[in-house]
Structures are given as C-alpha cells and as structure tokens.
Amino acid sequence: MASHASGPARKYLSHTLSEWACGLKYEHLSDKAVHTAKLFWYDSLGCALGGSQQEDAKILLAHHREMAGGVGNGPCTTFVSGFRTNPVDAAFMNAHMIRAMDYNDIYWKADPCHPSDIIAGPLALCEMTGATGKDLILATIIAYEIEQRLCEFGVPGVREYGWHHATLTAFAAPMAAARVLGLSVEQMVQAIGICASRTFTPGAVTAGRLTMMKNTVDPWACRMGVESALLARRGYTGPEHMIDGKEGLYAVFGHVHYKGQPARFDTEALLRDLPTSPAHHYRITDCGMKSFPIEALSHAPLTAMMKCVKENNIRAADVAEIKVEVIARAADILGDPHKYRPDSRETADHSLPYCMAVGLVDGMVTPLQFREERVHDKSLVPIMDMVKVVANDEFEALFPRFQPSRVTVTTRDGKSYVKRVDVPKGDPRDPMTEEEIGVKFTALGRDVLGGGETGVRRCRELGTMIMSLDKERDMGGLMRAMTA
C-alpha cells in the first residue's frame, strides 16, 4: 500500500534504517569499532595520496578547477592539491582519489563493496560544519554498517543480475552524510530517496574493457549522497519507498530471474541486530583491506601463486602453464577475453592473467606494475597466455565465507606445483596490522608529500594524527596535513 493511500501510512525500510542511524551516538560505539574506523581512515588516506597521482584524478581536478573559474574559495579542501571548493565536489574528488588505484578496502558477500568510497562525503561535511573527529568516526561506522548489510541481503546479489554495487551505495551514502548534518529521521528518508533515484548503475562499468568510470561510479554515489543530504536539509523531497515500495529496489529486481529463481532480498538480514551499544557487533570490524592494488577476487589466486613460486624456487622462465581455479564470478569478471590484452590500468588491475603474469616476472604487484609502460609491455603477452582461468564448482559453495583459489604451476620439465589459499592477506581473519598499513601508507604517500626524509616524516606525522582522530576538534589540521 502506498503511503498516500487511505488508512495508516506504511513504514518503509528507509524509515527503519534512518531511525537507527539518527539514534546512534558516539557513546554507543564499541572500542573495537572506533579503532577499526581509524585503521580504515589510515588505509584510505594512504590510498588517496597514491590515487592523486593517477591520470583520472588529475583530469577531475583540472575539470573542477575550470568549472570554478580557476579560483578555489569554497569551505572544503581537496586532498593533495589543496583546491578549495564546495562539499559536493570535494567529496567527489576525494572519494575518487581513495578509489582511483583500486587499493582501498573490500567487503564481498552477496555483492562486493568498498565502504571507504563513501567516507569522503562525511569528511567534507565535517570540514564545512566544523564537526569533530568523533562526529566523523560515527558517520564512518554508519556508512560501513549500512553498506555492508546492503551487500549481504541480496539473493544472490545485484551483481549477478548485471548491476554494479554503486546501486547499493546510493542508499548508504546519504545516510552517512545526513548524520553529520544532524538531519531528522524524515529528512534522512528524503535524502535516501533523492540519492537512490539517481544512481542505479549497470555492471557494464566493470565488464569487458574497463574505463575511468570503473573507479568513478561509487565516488559519484558518494557525491550524490552529500548533495542529497544538503537538499533534504532545505526541504527537498524524494521517494520514501525506494527500497521496498512501488517500483523501488525490490520491485525492479523482482522482475528478473537467476538460474530459474526470482531475485529477492532478505529484509530480516538487513535489519537483524543493528548495533546500538558498545556490547554489540559492528560490521566495520568484518571488512577487509587490500595488500595488492587489484580487484578483490584476484588476491587469493595471486597470493597462492606468489607463495607457490617462492616455496618451490620457480623462475618465470621455467613456467609452462599457470592454472587458476576460482569461483565462477571471479572467472567471469577477471578472465574474459578483454582481460588477456589489457590496454589500460583500469583493465589491468581487473585482469587475472595480467596480475599473475606481472607478479611472476616482477616478483611483486604494487602500483609500479600498473604504470602505462608496464601494462603495454608486449613481453608479458606470452606469459598471460599461459594463465588458464577455470571456474571451480566446489569453491562456489564455500563463497563468500571463504575466497578459495587453487593455483597449479606447471614447469617446462613437466613438474606441477599446487597451492591453495582460502583467506587472502587483509581479510579480518588475517588482517593487516597498523604497522603494515603504515608501510603501505608511506609507500603511497612519501613522494607525494615531499619525497625523501621529508616525505617519510610527513607520512609518520599523518599516521599519528589519523590514529588520534577521535581527539581532533575539527578537520582543519588533517586537511592541511593531506595537502602537498
């Protein structure tokens, strides 16, 4: 029944979620959730420093500078360049820098997501309003909680129907932004409706040949989340039934089938045990980080191959074939024909043949392996052709609890070496430590922040500031420290 029909108004899911988000306070958070939020900010800002040097980030900055007439005098700061602009554009550019290298966090259940794609929105609004580090942490934990739950409740998930997870980010991003602005429950509901009306995203952005939009659609949902919250604050309205009402998320996907079954969403899973006290479990502690700057499902097979090669002293010149067994969706995303001839960084970091080949030859997979000259290196082509990506039905039943991958390296003398990995490094069951995040942060940020000892010192100082985020009275110091 629509809310305008006779009788009592229906309470939609956007209301229930907004009541939780508006009611959650910093004192309700667990110490573990707060500490984890700071670790994700540490990781994310390191990714942003490295991401600022990517071509697409530079294009976006040049575009927004031109749109502003070359003068930046807004209330919010853009990472590295220090360009000042409005919170909507700052959120977009900063979120894109976090995302640009595909090196930020990862959570994959029914659907994948990168919750840190959202958090630049609350940061921009905190800077604009003078909010504290505790306010930012609260909004961050709300963003992770909702985004991760949305990625769990699809059966089997919107990705399997050909849609990108930015479709789901459009529901989480306005909630985090609205919480910073202190909107009412009804205003947050309107923000969700405004944002989700505009950001349903086809999966084409991560299928076949990839473009700069691969790393842009989720930051665009973050941008829309900020603008939607600001509009809702002024009284702008959006459909409250965007999830479970007429022609909303449930209805749209209810028209399609997957393997003979209609699409559906598990409402109970979305709402079950929403945390409201320090004793409760917060989803942010279940999210993973990336130890390689590549698509999430590549981590387990790459880890397996690197371990296999190291343990058996295998040289690249000795290899005849690399058989990679993964779940079906990994084979589909990472092993299609376009991935055997990547012609851009965006396609290369989603190409299992490229990642395995360059890892075998270079002995590492870092941002250096995705520079244009390396991606176009023809010497890697014969090695990519040795990589055989195979879907394993046995592994399918173990996902998403595990991300199983088995790699069989066959050498030219006919010997075969096998390695299986179920949990990649960075998974909460094998987490990156604060020290390891610091190493990643310095590798990405040192040259951006001055190079040499100056860059190392500034990275160290930034790390200390981030891990004390709950003590920051406003975002001014952090944004100055993130400016080159």
Protein backbone atom coordinates (compact mmCIF):
# COMPACT_ATOMS: atom_id res chain seq x y z
CA MET A 1 0.00 0.00 0.00
CA ALA A 2 1.44 3.38 -0.97
CA SER A 3 1.86 5.96 1.76
CA HIS A 4 -0.71 8.28 0.15
CA ALA A 5 -3.49 5.67 0.24
CA SER A 6 -6.27 5.75 2.79
CA GLY A 7 -5.57 4.22 6.18
CA PRO A 8 -2.41 4.35 8.26
CA ALA A 9 0.77 5.32 6.40
CA ARG A 10 3.15 2.46 5.66
CA LYS A 11 6.51 2.48 7.38
CA TYR A 12 9.11 1.79 4.71
CA LEU A 13 12.59 0.36 5.25
CA SER A 14 14.17 3.76 4.65
CA HIS A 15 12.36 4.93 7.81
CA THR A 16 13.57 1.98 9.90
CA LEU A 17 17.18 2.42 8.79
CA SER A 18 17.03 6.19 9.31
CA GLU A 19 15.66 5.77 12.83
CA TRP A 20 18.66 3.60 13.67
CA ALA A 21 21.21 5.96 12.07
CA CYS A 22 19.74 9.10 13.65
CA GLY A 23 19.57 7.44 17.06
CA LEU A 24 23.12 6.08 17.10
CA LYS A 25 25.56 8.16 19.16
CA TYR A 26 29.31 8.05 19.61
CA GLU A 27 28.98 6.63 23.13
CA HIS A 28 27.09 3.66 21.65
CA LEU A 29 30.16 2.58 19.64
CA SER A 30 32.48 -0.19 20.77
CA ASP A 31 36.18 0.49 21.30
CA LYS A 32 36.95 -2.09 18.62
CA ALA A 33 34.68 -0.37 16.09
CA VAL A 34 36.26 3.02 16.80
CA HIS A 35 39.80 1.64 16.49
CA THR A 36 38.89 -0.17 13.28
CA ALA A 37 37.39 3.02 11.83
CA LYS A 38 40.67 4.82 12.44
CA LEU A 39 42.59 1.98 10.74
CA PHE A 40 40.35 2.28 7.68
CA TRP A 41 40.93 6.03 7.58
CA TYR A 42 44.69 5.34 7.78
CA ASP A 43 44.45 2.94 4.86
CA SER A 44 42.05 5.12 2.86
CA LEU A 45 44.05 8.33 3.12
CA GLY A 46 47.17 6.46 2.03
CA CYS A 47 45.23 5.22 -0.99
CA ALA A 48 44.12 8.81 -1.66
CA LEU A 49 47.70 10.08 -1.67
CA GLY A 50 48.66 7.49 -4.26
CA GLY A 51 45.38 7.95 -6.13
CA SER A 52 46.01 11.67 -6.51
CA GLN A 53 48.77 10.88 -8.99
CA GLN A 54 46.55 8.88 -11.34
CA GLU A 55 45.54 10.37 -14.68
CA ASP A 56 41.81 10.25 -13.98
CA ALA A 57 42.25 12.10 -10.66
CA LYS A 58 44.23 14.80 -12.45
CA ILE A 59 41.53 15.14 -15.11
CA LEU A 60 38.83 15.56 -12.47
CA LEU A 61 40.84 18.20 -10.62
CA ALA A 62 41.50 20.14 -13.84
CA HIS A 63 37.82 19.93 -14.75
CA HIS A 64 36.57 21.20 -11.40
CA ARG A 65 39.16 23.99 -11.34
CA GLU A 66 37.95 25.12 -14.76
CA MET A 67 34.31 24.95 -13.65
CA ALA A 68 35.22 27.17 -10.70
CA GLY A 69 36.88 29.68 -13.00
CA GLY A 70 40.30 28.71 -11.70
CA VAL A 71 39.54 30.14 -8.27
CA GLY A 72 39.10 27.83 -5.33
CA ASN A 73 37.48 29.56 -2.37
CA GLY A 74 34.94 27.08 -1.01
CA PRO A 75 34.68 25.71 2.54
CA CYS A 76 36.18 22.30 1.75
CA THR A 77 39.64 21.07 0.80
CA THR A 78 40.66 18.69 -1.97
CA PHE A 79 43.39 16.22 -0.99
CA VAL A 80 46.99 16.94 -2.08
CA SER A 81 46.25 19.95 -4.32
CA GLY A 82 44.57 21.90 -1.52
CA PHE A 83 42.00 23.20 -4.03
CA ARG A 84 39.10 24.73 -2.10
CA THR A 85 35.58 24.05 -3.28
CA ASN A 86 32.07 23.14 -2.19
CA PRO A 87 31.42 19.95 -0.16
CA VAL A 88 29.76 18.12 -3.05
CA ASP A 89 32.74 18.47 -5.40
CA ALA A 90 35.28 17.96 -2.61
CA ALA A 91 33.56 14.74 -1.57
CA PHE A 92 33.59 13.52 -5.17
CA MET A 93 37.24 14.27 -5.91
CA ASN A 94 38.47 12.98 -2.55
CA ALA A 95 36.38 9.81 -2.79
CA HIS A 96 37.74 9.23 -6.27
CA MET A 97 41.32 9.56 -5.03
CA ILE A 98 40.64 6.95 -2.36
CA ARG A 99 39.22 4.66 -5.06
CA ALA A 100 41.47 5.51 -8.02
CA MET A 101 44.02 2.72 -7.60
CA ASP A 102 41.54 0.01 -6.57
CA TYR A 103 43.73 -0.37 -3.48
CA ASN A 104 41.20 0.56 -0.80
CA ASP A 105 39.08 -1.72 1.38
CA ILE A 106 36.89 -4.61 0.24
CA TYR A 107 33.86 -6.44 1.57
CA TRP A 108 32.27 -9.19 -0.52
CA LYS A 109 29.24 -11.22 0.46
CA ALA A 110 26.25 -11.48 -1.91
CA ASP A 111 27.66 -8.31 -3.52
CA PRO A 112 31.03 -6.57 -3.32
CA CYS A 113 31.54 -3.12 -1.88
CA HIS A 114 34.24 -0.66 -0.87
CA PRO A 115 32.73 1.27 2.07
CA SER A 116 35.64 3.72 2.11
CA ASP A 117 34.29 5.03 -1.21
CA ILE A 118 31.61 6.71 0.93
CA ILE A 119 33.56 8.31 3.77
CA ALA A 120 34.95 11.33 1.92
CA GLY A 121 31.37 12.62 1.96
CA PRO A 122 31.10 12.84 5.75
CA LEU A 123 34.65 14.25 5.84
CA ALA A 124 33.74 17.14 3.53
CA LEU A 125 30.64 17.94 5.59
CA CYS A 126 32.62 17.72 8.83
CA GLU A 127 35.11 20.22 7.43
CA MET A 128 32.31 22.52 6.27
CA THR A 129 30.43 22.46 9.58
CA GLY A 130 33.43 22.37 11.95
CA ALA A 131 32.45 18.93 13.25
CA THR A 132 34.85 16.84 15.33
CA GLY A 133 36.79 13.68 14.72
CA LYS A 134 34.25 11.79 16.82
CA ASP A 135 31.49 13.00 14.52
CA LEU A 136 33.46 11.71 11.54
CA ILE A 137 34.07 8.33 13.18
CA LEU A 138 30.37 7.94 13.95
CA ALA A 139 29.38 8.70 10.35
CA THR A 140 32.11 6.36 9.11
CA ILE A 141 30.79 3.47 11.18
CA ILE A 142 27.24 4.16 9.98
CA ALA A 143 28.47 4.14 6.36
CA TYR A 144 30.21 0.80 6.81
CA GLU A 145 27.30 -0.77 8.72
CA ILE A 146 24.68 0.07 6.11
CA GLU A 147 26.85 -0.54 3.04
CA GLN A 148 27.98 -3.96 4.27
CA ARG A 149 24.44 -5.01 5.22
CA LEU A 150 23.22 -3.98 1.77
CA CYS A 151 25.90 -6.20 0.25
CA GLU A 152 24.69 -9.15 2.32
CA PHE A 153 20.95 -9.04 1.75
CA GLY A 154 20.63 -9.67 -1.98
CA VAL A 155 19.84 -13.24 -3.04
CA PRO A 156 22.12 -13.88 -4.86
CA GLY A 157 23.09 -10.18 -5.18
CA VAL A 158 22.64 -7.36 -7.69
CA ARG A 159 25.99 -8.19 -9.36
CA GLU A 160 24.53 -11.46 -10.62
CA TYR A 161 21.78 -9.51 -12.39
CA GLY A 162 24.25 -7.26 -14.17
CA TRP A 163 24.18 -4.25 -11.83
CA HIS A 164 27.10 -2.54 -10.12
CA HIS A 165 27.29 -2.17 -6.32
CA ALA A 166 27.19 1.64 -6.64
CA THR A 167 23.46 0.96 -6.93
CA LEU A 168 23.55 -0.01 -3.24
CA THR A 169 26.00 2.72 -2.22
CA ALA A 170 23.29 5.18 -3.22
CA PHE A 171 21.31 4.09 -0.16
CA ALA A 172 24.20 4.19 2.34
CA ALA A 173 25.99 7.40 1.26
CA PRO A 174 23.12 9.82 2.01
CA MET A 175 22.65 8.28 5.45
CA ALA A 176 26.26 8.92 6.49
CA ALA A 177 26.14 12.45 5.08
CA ALA A 178 22.80 13.21 6.73
CA ARG A 179 24.09 12.03 10.11
CA VAL A 180 26.92 14.60 10.02
CA LEU A 181 24.39 17.32 9.23
CA GLY A 182 22.20 16.21 12.13
CA LEU A 183 19.14 15.72 9.93
CA SER A 184 15.90 14.37 11.36
CA VAL A 185 14.66 10.88 10.55
CA GLU A 186 12.22 12.26 7.97
CA GLN A 187 14.92 14.40 6.34
CA MET A 188 17.27 11.40 6.14
CA VAL A 189 14.49 9.39 4.48
CA GLN A 190 14.15 12.14 1.87
CA ALA A 191 17.92 12.17 1.32
CA ILE A 192 17.88 8.42 0.65
CA GLY A 193 15.07 8.86 -1.85
CA ILE A 194 16.80 11.72 -3.66
CA CYS A 195 20.12 9.89 -3.93
CA ALA A 196 18.85 6.43 -4.84
CA SER A 197 16.63 7.93 -7.53
CA ARG A 198 19.72 8.92 -9.50
CA THR A 199 22.39 6.26 -9.01
CA PHE A 200 21.28 2.86 -10.25
CA THR A 201 24.42 1.71 -12.07
CA PRO A 202 24.72 -1.04 -14.74
CA GLY A 203 27.50 -3.57 -14.33
CA ALA A 204 28.93 -2.58 -17.71
CA VAL A 205 31.41 -0.34 -15.90
CA THR A 206 33.30 -3.45 -14.67
CA ALA A 207 32.62 -5.73 -17.65
CA GLY A 208 34.84 -6.19 -20.68
CA ARG A 209 37.18 -3.30 -21.47
CA LEU A 210 37.30 -1.06 -18.41
CA THR A 211 37.45 2.73 -18.45
CA MET A 212 37.95 5.51 -15.92
CA MET A 213 34.31 5.13 -14.90
CA LYS A 214 35.20 1.88 -13.14
CA ASN A 215 36.68 3.90 -10.27
CA THR A 216 34.19 6.75 -10.60
CA VAL A 217 30.68 5.35 -10.17
CA ASP A 218 30.95 4.69 -6.44
CA PRO A 219 32.53 8.11 -5.69
CA TRP A 220 29.71 9.58 -7.77
CA ALA A 221 27.22 7.89 -5.45
CA CYS A 222 29.16 9.43 -2.55
CA ARG A 223 28.86 12.82 -4.23
CA MET A 224 25.13 12.32 -4.67
CA GLY A 225 24.85 11.32 -1.02
CA VAL A 226 26.30 14.66 0.08
CA GLU A 227 24.19 16.72 -2.31
CA SER A 228 21.05 14.75 -1.41
CA ALA A 229 21.57 15.35 2.31
CA LEU A 230 22.13 19.07 1.72
CA LEU A 231 18.98 19.26 -0.42
CA ALA A 232 16.95 17.33 2.14
CA ARG A 233 18.07 19.79 4.80
CA ARG A 234 16.47 22.55 2.72
CA GLY A 235 13.22 20.64 2.38
CA TYR A 236 13.74 18.90 -0.96
CA THR A 237 11.89 15.59 -1.12
CA GLY A 238 12.48 12.15 -2.60
CA PRO A 239 10.52 8.88 -2.70
CA GLU A 240 10.47 7.19 0.70
CA HIS A 241 9.63 3.85 -0.92
CA MET A 242 12.92 3.47 -2.87
CA ILE A 243 13.74 0.12 -1.25
CA ASP A 244 10.53 -1.79 -0.60
CA GLY A 245 7.73 0.23 -2.18
CA LYS A 246 6.15 0.58 -5.60
CA GLU A 247 8.80 0.34 -8.36
CA GLY A 248 11.61 0.53 -5.81
CA LEU A 249 14.65 -1.72 -5.45
CA TYR A 250 12.70 -4.85 -4.55
CA ALA A 251 10.14 -4.38 -7.31
CA VAL A 252 12.67 -3.61 -10.04
CA PHE A 253 14.75 -6.70 -9.32
CA GLY A 254 11.65 -8.83 -8.74
CA HIS A 255 11.09 -8.89 -12.50
CA VAL A 256 14.29 -10.86 -13.21
CA HIS A 257 15.42 -14.42 -12.60
CA TYR A 258 18.78 -16.00 -11.88
CA LYS A 259 19.23 -19.73 -12.54
CA GLY A 260 15.49 -20.14 -12.65
CA GLN A 261 14.76 -18.34 -9.39
CA PRO A 262 13.31 -14.82 -9.00
CA ALA A 263 15.52 -12.18 -7.46
CA ARG A 264 14.79 -11.40 -3.85
CA PHE A 265 16.17 -9.52 -0.86
CA ASP A 266 16.40 -10.71 2.73
CA THR A 267 14.83 -7.89 4.72
CA GLU A 268 15.42 -9.65 8.02
CA ALA A 269 19.15 -9.88 7.30
CA LEU A 270 19.24 -6.17 6.54
CA LEU A 271 17.73 -5.22 9.89
CA ARG A 272 18.83 -8.02 12.19
CA ASP A 273 20.80 -6.92 15.27
CA LEU A 274 21.51 -3.34 14.20
CA PRO A 275 24.06 -2.32 16.85
CA THR A 276 23.09 0.22 19.49
CA SER A 277 25.61 -0.29 22.32
CA PRO A 278 29.32 -0.91 22.94
CA ALA A 279 28.48 -4.55 23.62
CA HIS A 280 27.11 -5.09 20.11
CA HIS A 281 28.90 -6.23 16.97
CA TYR A 282 29.64 -3.59 14.31
CA ARG A 283 30.04 -4.66 10.69
CA ILE A 284 33.09 -2.43 10.15
CA THR A 285 35.17 -4.99 12.05
CA ASP A 286 34.30 -7.57 9.35
CA CYS A 287 35.61 -5.52 6.43
CA GLY A 288 38.92 -6.32 4.75
CA MET A 289 41.82 -4.37 3.31
CA LYS A 290 43.91 -4.90 0.21
CA SER A 291 47.54 -5.90 0.24
CA PHE A 292 47.64 -5.62 -3.58
CA PRO A 293 46.21 -2.76 -5.72
CA ILE A 294 43.95 -5.11 -7.68
CA GLU A 295 40.37 -6.37 -7.87
CA ALA A 296 39.37 -8.20 -4.68
CA LEU A 297 38.87 -11.69 -6.09
CA SER A 298 42.39 -11.62 -7.58
CA HIS A 299 44.01 -11.52 -4.14
CA ALA A 300 43.64 -15.19 -3.22
CA PRO A 301 44.93 -16.60 -6.54
CA LEU A 302 47.79 -14.09 -6.69
CA THR A 303 48.74 -14.89 -3.09
CA ALA A 304 48.63 -18.62 -3.90
CA MET A 305 50.88 -18.22 -6.95
CA MET A 306 53.39 -15.98 -5.18
CA LYS A 307 53.65 -18.48 -2.31
CA CYS A 308 53.93 -21.42 -4.72
CA VAL A 309 56.71 -19.78 -6.71
CA LYS A 310 58.63 -18.73 -3.60
CA GLU A 311 58.31 -22.04 -1.77
CA ASN A 312 59.48 -24.04 -4.80
CA ASN A 313 62.08 -21.59 -6.18
CA ILE A 314 60.34 -21.41 -9.54
CA ARG A 315 61.72 -18.96 -12.09
CA ALA A 316 59.49 -17.20 -14.60
CA ALA A 317 61.48 -18.69 -17.49
CA ASP A 318 60.72 -22.20 -16.23
CA VAL A 319 56.92 -21.85 -16.29
CA ALA A 320 54.83 -23.53 -19.00
CA GLU A 321 51.33 -23.01 -17.58
CA ILE A 322 49.52 -21.45 -14.64
CA LYS A 323 46.11 -22.97 -13.99
CA VAL A 324 43.95 -20.82 -11.74
CA GLU A 325 40.80 -22.31 -10.18
CA VAL A 326 38.41 -19.73 -8.74
CA ILE A 327 34.70 -19.18 -8.17
CA ALA A 328 32.56 -18.60 -11.26
CA ARG A 329 32.07 -14.86 -10.80
CA ALA A 330 35.85 -14.36 -10.48
CA ALA A 331 36.41 -16.25 -13.71
CA ASP A 332 33.73 -14.14 -15.40
CA ILE A 333 35.00 -10.78 -14.14
CA LEU A 334 38.75 -11.40 -14.28
CA GLY A 335 39.30 -13.89 -17.08
CA ASP A 336 37.15 -12.74 -20.02
CA PRO A 337 38.92 -12.22 -23.39
CA HIS A 338 39.48 -8.48 -22.85
CA LYS A 339 41.48 -9.26 -19.71
CA TYR A 340 44.11 -11.16 -21.75
CA ARG A 341 45.03 -7.99 -23.64
CA PRO A 342 44.66 -5.12 -21.14
CA ASP A 343 45.25 -1.71 -22.68
CA SER A 344 44.68 0.45 -19.62
CA ARG A 345 45.43 0.43 -15.90
CA GLU A 346 41.72 0.02 -15.19
CA THR A 347 41.54 -3.20 -17.22
CA ALA A 348 44.93 -4.46 -15.99
CA ASP A 349 44.04 -4.31 -12.30
CA HIS A 350 40.89 -6.34 -13.10
CA SER A 351 42.83 -8.82 -15.26
CA LEU A 352 43.83 -12.05 -13.56
CA PRO A 353 46.12 -13.04 -16.48
CA TYR A 354 47.96 -9.71 -16.23
CA CYS A 355 48.27 -9.75 -12.44
CA MET A 356 49.56 -13.32 -12.42
CA ALA A 357 51.99 -12.66 -15.30
CA VAL A 358 53.46 -9.45 -13.91
CA GLY A 359 53.63 -10.96 -10.42
CA LEU A 360 55.54 -13.96 -11.76
CA VAL A 361 58.02 -11.84 -13.72
CA ASP A 362 58.48 -8.92 -11.32
CA GLY A 363 58.13 -10.86 -8.08
CA MET A 364 55.69 -8.25 -6.75
CA VAL A 365 52.44 -6.48 -7.61
CA THR A 366 52.48 -2.85 -6.49
CA PRO A 367 51.30 0.41 -8.08
CA LEU A 368 54.52 0.34 -10.14
CA GLN A 369 53.17 -2.68 -12.03
CA PHE A 370 50.24 -0.62 -13.32
CA ARG A 371 52.16 2.20 -14.92
CA GLU A 372 51.27 2.63 -18.58
CA GLU A 373 54.59 1.41 -19.91
CA ARG A 374 54.35 -1.83 -17.91
CA VAL A 375 50.74 -2.51 -18.87
CA HIS A 376 51.68 -2.15 -22.56
CA ASP A 377 54.83 -4.28 -22.29
CA LYS A 378 54.43 -6.91 -25.05
CA SER A 379 56.85 -9.28 -23.32
CA LEU A 380 54.08 -10.09 -20.85
CA VAL A 381 51.68 -11.30 -23.55
CA PRO A 382 53.09 -14.87 -23.89
CA ILE A 383 53.03 -15.23 -20.10
CA MET A 384 49.42 -14.01 -19.88
CA ASP A 385 48.52 -16.66 -22.44
CA MET A 386 49.94 -19.31 -20.10
CA VAL A 387 47.32 -18.39 -17.49
CA LYS A 388 44.24 -20.61 -17.68
CA VAL A 389 41.33 -19.35 -15.57
CA VAL A 390 38.85 -22.07 -14.62
CA ALA A 391 35.61 -21.88 -12.59
CA ASN A 392 35.53 -24.45 -9.78
CA ASP A 393 32.05 -25.57 -8.64
CA GLU A 394 33.45 -26.94 -5.38
CA PHE A 395 34.76 -23.50 -4.46
CA GLU A 396 31.45 -21.84 -5.32
CA ALA A 397 29.77 -23.50 -2.35
CA LEU A 398 32.40 -22.03 0.03
CA PHE A 399 31.95 -18.42 -1.09
CA PRO A 400 31.52 -15.84 0.47
CA ARG A 401 32.70 -17.32 3.78
CA PHE A 402 35.96 -18.09 2.02
CA GLN A 403 37.56 -16.88 -1.20
CA PRO A 404 39.12 -20.17 -2.28
CA SER A 405 41.63 -20.36 -5.08
CA ARG A 406 43.93 -23.15 -6.20
CA VAL A 407 46.89 -22.43 -8.44
CA THR A 408 48.77 -25.15 -10.28
CA VAL A 409 52.10 -24.05 -11.74
CA THR A 410 53.44 -26.46 -14.37
CA THR A 411 57.07 -26.06 -15.38
CA ARG A 412 58.69 -26.85 -18.71
CA ASP A 413 60.15 -30.08 -17.34
CA GLY A 414 56.62 -31.41 -16.73
CA LYS A 415 56.50 -30.95 -12.94
CA SER A 416 53.45 -29.43 -11.28
CA TYR A 417 53.26 -27.46 -8.03
CA VAL A 418 49.95 -26.74 -6.30
CA LYS A 419 48.98 -24.10 -3.73
CA ARG A 420 45.54 -23.28 -2.33
CA VAL A 421 44.59 -20.11 -0.46
CA ASP A 422 41.16 -19.55 1.11
CA VAL A 423 41.74 -16.30 3.00
CA PRO A 424 43.85 -13.56 1.39
CA LYS A 425 46.04 -11.23 3.44
CA GLY A 426 43.98 -8.28 4.63
CA ASP A 427 40.90 -10.37 5.38
CA PRO A 428 39.75 -9.84 9.01
CA ARG A 429 40.91 -13.43 9.68
CA ASP A 430 44.41 -12.46 8.52
CA PRO A 431 44.29 -8.67 9.00
CA MET A 432 46.82 -6.05 8.08
CA THR A 433 48.37 -4.60 11.23
CA GLU A 434 48.71 -0.91 11.96
CA GLU A 435 52.41 -1.25 11.16
CA GLU A 436 51.67 -2.91 7.80
CA ILE A 437 49.15 -0.19 6.96
CA GLY A 438 51.85 2.35 7.82
CA VAL A 439 54.25 0.72 5.37
CA LYS A 440 51.58 0.85 2.65
CA PHE A 441 50.75 4.46 3.55
CA THR A 442 54.39 5.57 3.33
CA ALA A 443 54.94 3.74 0.03
CA LEU A 444 51.96 5.58 -1.45
CA GLY A 445 52.45 8.96 0.18
CA ARG A 446 56.15 9.59 0.62
CA ASP A 447 56.85 11.10 -2.81
CA VAL A 448 53.53 12.96 -2.85
CA LEU A 449 54.28 14.67 0.46
CA GLY A 450 57.77 15.88 -0.36
CA GLY A 451 59.89 12.83 -1.05
CA GLY A 452 62.90 11.52 0.86
CA GLU A 453 63.09 12.02 4.61
CA THR A 454 60.62 14.90 4.43
CA GLY A 455 58.00 12.66 2.85
CA VAL A 456 58.63 9.85 5.34
CA ARG A 457 58.36 12.25 8.28
CA ARG A 458 55.12 13.76 7.00
CA CYS A 459 53.65 10.29 6.44
CA ARG A 460 54.58 9.35 10.00
CA GLU A 461 53.01 12.54 11.39
CA LEU A 462 49.85 11.99 9.34
CA GLY A 463 49.59 8.44 10.58
CA THR A 464 49.78 9.61 14.19
CA MET A 465 47.10 12.22 13.55
CA ILE A 466 44.77 9.72 11.87
CA MET A 467 45.12 7.20 14.68
CA SER A 468 44.18 10.00 17.10
CA LEU A 469 41.20 11.07 15.01
CA ASP A 470 38.85 10.86 17.97
CA LYS A 471 40.79 13.72 19.60
CA GLU A 472 40.56 16.12 16.63
CA ARG A 473 38.33 19.14 17.34
CA ASP A 474 37.81 19.84 13.65
CA MET A 475 39.14 18.68 10.29
CA GLY A 476 41.39 21.66 9.61
CA GLY A 477 44.63 20.08 10.77
CA LEU A 478 44.00 16.81 8.97
CA MET A 479 43.17 18.52 5.68
CA ARG A 480 46.25 20.71 5.90
CA ALA A 481 48.38 17.62 6.53
CA MET A 482 46.82 15.97 3.44
CA THR A 483 47.93 18.88 1.26
CA ALA A 484 51.20 18.55 -0.61
